Amino acid sequence: MKNILIGILSIAILLSIFPIFNSKAEGLSKPSGTSIKATLYLYGLNNEFGKMIYNRSGQYLEYVFNAHNLLPNTKYNLIYYPQKPIGLICIGEETSTNGGELNITEKEIHITSIPFNSDINGNTQTTTYEDGTTGGKIWLLPSDQVDCPHMIFKTNTLTNVLYEDTLIYFWKW
């Protein structure tokens, strides 16, 4: 019995130290104090996960995004999803490796702000987050599900998507 309790306690401690491996973890994304840098985590339904380190302000949206456990050899798009009425904005594209790993580094995304003024998640009265959180949604999904030039999804049923654990802010200066 003592060994079982020690095992359970060990697992609980490991999950608290390394929460990124817990695909149900929420709220890990946080700005780094007063730093210009912030971190966003994205999670899928099949233990896929990603981490985006981005500048919260600047001349351009700059970021590094790494994802793991994705479909192998699959082209993915990182998108900003302001929802209606604008559609979606593709902010990065890359193909996963044989092992399902992905890295996207973007240095000059020309975007004025996230969220846009018309983004429903930019306002506490209309946000889709029940707790009133505001900002912009960032998702990663296979490229065959989006039409970037027309800013639309190609299907009504999205699969293999990584969703944000919180909303982000970016301001162009």
Protein backbone atom coordinates (compact mmCIF):
# COMPACT_ATOMS: atom_id res chain seq x y z
CA MET A 1 0.00 0.00 0.00
CA LYS A 2 2.85 2.36 0.85
CA ASN A 3 4.46 1.75 -2.58
CA ILE A 4 1.17 2.54 -4.35
CA LEU A 5 0.81 5.84 -2.48
CA ILE A 6 4.43 6.76 -3.27
CA GLY A 7 3.78 5.96 -6.97
CA ILE A 8 0.62 8.07 -7.11
CA LEU A 9 2.36 10.95 -5.33
CA SER A 10 5.32 10.71 -7.75
CA ILE A 11 3.02 10.91 -10.79
CA ALA A 12 1.15 13.90 -9.34
CA ILE A 13 4.43 15.72 -8.69
CA LEU A 14 5.70 15.00 -12.22
CA LEU A 15 2.47 16.28 -13.77
CA SER A 16 2.71 19.48 -11.76
CA ILE A 17 6.36 20.00 -12.76
CA PHE A 18 5.84 19.08 -16.45
CA PRO A 19 2.27 20.18 -17.25
CA ILE A 20 2.95 20.40 -21.01
CA PHE A 21 2.61 16.61 -21.22
CA ASN A 22 -0.88 16.81 -19.76
CA SER A 23 -3.06 17.40 -22.84
CA LYS A 24 -5.95 18.58 -20.65
CA ALA A 25 -3.87 21.37 -19.06
CA GLU A 26 -5.44 24.80 -19.40
CA GLY A 27 -4.31 28.31 -18.67
CA LEU A 28 -0.57 27.72 -18.99
CA SER A 29 -0.12 30.52 -21.51
CA LYS A 30 1.02 33.71 -19.88
CA PRO A 31 2.88 36.90 -20.73
CA SER A 32 6.38 36.97 -19.26
CA GLY A 33 5.86 39.77 -16.73
CA THR A 34 6.60 43.11 -18.36
CA SER A 35 8.55 41.42 -21.15
CA ILE A 36 7.60 41.90 -24.79
CA LYS A 37 7.66 38.07 -25.09
CA ALA A 38 4.68 35.87 -24.31
CA THR A 39 3.94 32.15 -24.58
CA LEU A 40 0.86 30.44 -25.98
CA TYR A 41 0.17 26.69 -25.72
CA LEU A 42 -2.09 24.84 -28.14
CA TYR A 43 -3.59 21.37 -27.59
CA GLY A 44 -5.26 18.74 -29.76
CA LEU A 45 -7.58 15.88 -28.88
CA ASN A 46 -4.99 13.15 -29.59
CA ASN A 47 -2.08 14.34 -27.39
CA GLU A 48 -0.83 16.81 -29.99
CA PHE A 49 0.53 20.00 -28.50
CA GLY A 50 2.39 23.11 -29.54
CA LYS A 51 4.09 26.14 -28.05
CA MET A 52 4.24 29.59 -29.59
CA ILE A 53 6.65 32.22 -28.25
CA TYR A 54 5.72 35.59 -29.73
CA ASN A 55 6.30 39.32 -29.35
CA ARG A 56 3.27 41.09 -27.89
CA SER A 57 4.10 44.25 -29.82
CA GLY A 58 6.38 45.44 -32.57
CA GLN A 59 6.55 46.51 -36.21
CA TYR A 60 5.58 42.95 -37.21
CA LEU A 61 4.11 39.91 -35.48
CA GLU A 62 7.19 37.75 -34.84
CA TYR A 63 7.02 34.25 -33.38
CA VAL A 64 8.49 30.77 -33.12
CA PHE A 65 6.05 27.86 -33.02
CA ASN A 66 6.92 24.23 -32.29
CA ALA A 67 4.43 21.33 -32.28
CA HIS A 68 4.67 17.65 -31.45
CA ASN A 69 2.71 14.42 -32.04
CA LEU A 70 1.14 15.74 -35.26
CA LEU A 71 0.20 13.74 -38.32
CA PRO A 72 3.48 12.90 -40.08
CA ASN A 73 4.41 14.55 -43.39
CA THR A 74 1.35 16.79 -43.33
CA LYS A 75 1.21 20.47 -44.30
CA TYR A 76 -0.22 22.65 -41.49
CA ASN A 77 -1.35 26.27 -41.22
CA LEU A 78 -1.13 28.41 -38.11
CA ILE A 79 -4.11 30.77 -38.20
CA TYR A 80 -5.57 33.74 -36.37
CA TYR A 81 -9.31 33.09 -36.18
CA PRO A 82 -11.21 36.33 -35.49
CA GLN A 83 -14.49 34.57 -36.31
CA LYS A 84 -17.27 36.36 -38.09
CA PRO A 85 -17.36 38.67 -40.01
CA ILE A 86 -13.70 38.55 -41.09
CA GLY A 87 -12.91 34.85 -41.52
CA LEU A 88 -9.43 33.54 -40.82
CA ILE A 89 -5.91 34.86 -41.35
CA CYS A 90 -3.09 32.42 -42.15
CA ILE A 91 0.02 33.51 -40.27
CA GLY A 92 2.32 30.54 -40.97
CA GLU A 93 2.65 27.29 -42.90
CA GLU A 94 4.97 24.30 -42.67
CA THR A 95 5.02 20.51 -43.18
CA SER A 96 5.47 18.16 -40.24
CA THR A 97 8.36 15.71 -40.17
CA ASN A 98 8.16 11.90 -40.41
CA GLY A 99 7.99 11.95 -36.60
CA GLY A 100 5.12 14.47 -36.43
CA GLU A 101 7.28 17.41 -35.34
CA LEU A 102 6.78 20.91 -36.72
CA ASN A 103 8.61 24.23 -36.51
CA ILE A 104 7.39 27.54 -37.90
CA THR A 105 9.44 30.72 -37.48
CA GLU A 106 7.98 33.97 -38.77
CA LYS A 107 9.70 37.33 -38.53
CA GLU A 108 7.52 39.71 -40.57
CA ILE A 109 3.80 38.97 -40.38
CA HIS A 110 2.08 42.18 -41.50
CA ILE A 111 -0.90 42.47 -39.18
CA THR A 112 -2.10 45.57 -37.36
CA SER A 113 -3.33 43.91 -34.19
CA ILE A 114 -4.69 40.77 -32.60
CA PRO A 115 -7.55 40.90 -31.91
CA PHE A 116 -8.98 43.00 -34.72
CA ASN A 117 -11.55 45.63 -33.67
CA SER A 118 -14.31 43.50 -35.26
CA ASP A 119 -13.19 40.25 -33.54
CA ILE A 120 -16.00 39.14 -31.23
CA ASN A 121 -13.39 37.86 -28.77
CA GLY A 122 -11.92 41.35 -28.41
CA ASN A 123 -14.87 42.52 -26.31
CA THR A 124 -15.94 41.24 -22.87
CA GLN A 125 -19.60 41.51 -23.94
CA THR A 126 -19.24 39.23 -27.00
CA THR A 127 -16.25 36.96 -26.26
CA THR A 128 -16.78 33.23 -26.72
CA TYR A 129 -14.91 32.57 -23.46
CA GLU A 130 -17.35 32.06 -20.58
CA ASP A 131 -15.06 33.77 -18.08
CA GLY A 132 -14.95 36.98 -20.17
CA THR A 133 -11.36 36.53 -21.41
CA THR A 134 -10.64 38.68 -24.45
CA GLY A 135 -8.02 38.51 -27.22
CA GLY A 136 -7.41 36.55 -30.43
CA LYS A 137 -7.68 32.81 -31.15
CA ILE A 138 -4.65 31.06 -32.63
CA TRP A 139 -5.15 27.55 -34.07
CA LEU A 140 -3.01 25.02 -35.95
CA LEU A 141 -4.74 22.78 -38.48
CA PRO A 142 -3.95 20.74 -41.58
CA SER A 143 -3.66 22.99 -44.62
CA ASP A 144 -6.19 20.99 -46.63
CA GLN A 145 -8.91 22.35 -44.30
CA VAL A 146 -8.28 26.05 -45.00
CA ASP A 147 -8.31 28.33 -48.03
CA CYS A 148 -5.92 31.10 -46.98
CA PRO A 149 -6.40 33.49 -49.92
CA HIS A 150 -10.20 33.45 -49.41
CA MET A 151 -9.91 33.43 -45.59
CA ILE A 152 -12.33 30.49 -45.14
CA PHE A 153 -12.46 26.92 -43.91
CA LYS A 154 -12.88 24.33 -46.69
CA THR A 155 -14.96 22.05 -44.46
CA ASN A 156 -17.56 22.35 -41.72
CA THR A 157 -15.91 19.55 -39.73
CA LEU A 158 -12.37 20.36 -38.60
CA THR A 159 -10.09 17.49 -37.55
CA ASN A 160 -6.60 17.25 -36.07
CA VAL A 161 -6.77 20.86 -34.85
CA LEU A 162 -4.69 22.32 -32.03
CA TYR A 163 -6.65 24.95 -30.09
CA GLU A 164 -5.30 27.74 -27.86
CA ASP A 165 -5.49 27.49 -24.08
CA THR A 166 -6.06 31.24 -23.88
CA LEU A 167 -6.42 34.24 -26.19
CA ILE A 168 -3.51 36.47 -27.26
CA TYR A 169 -2.86 40.18 -27.82
CA PHE A 170 -0.51 41.79 -30.35
CA TRP A 171 -0.14 45.51 -31.09
CA LYS A 172 1.74 46.99 -34.03
CA TRP A 173 3.74 50.11 -33.20
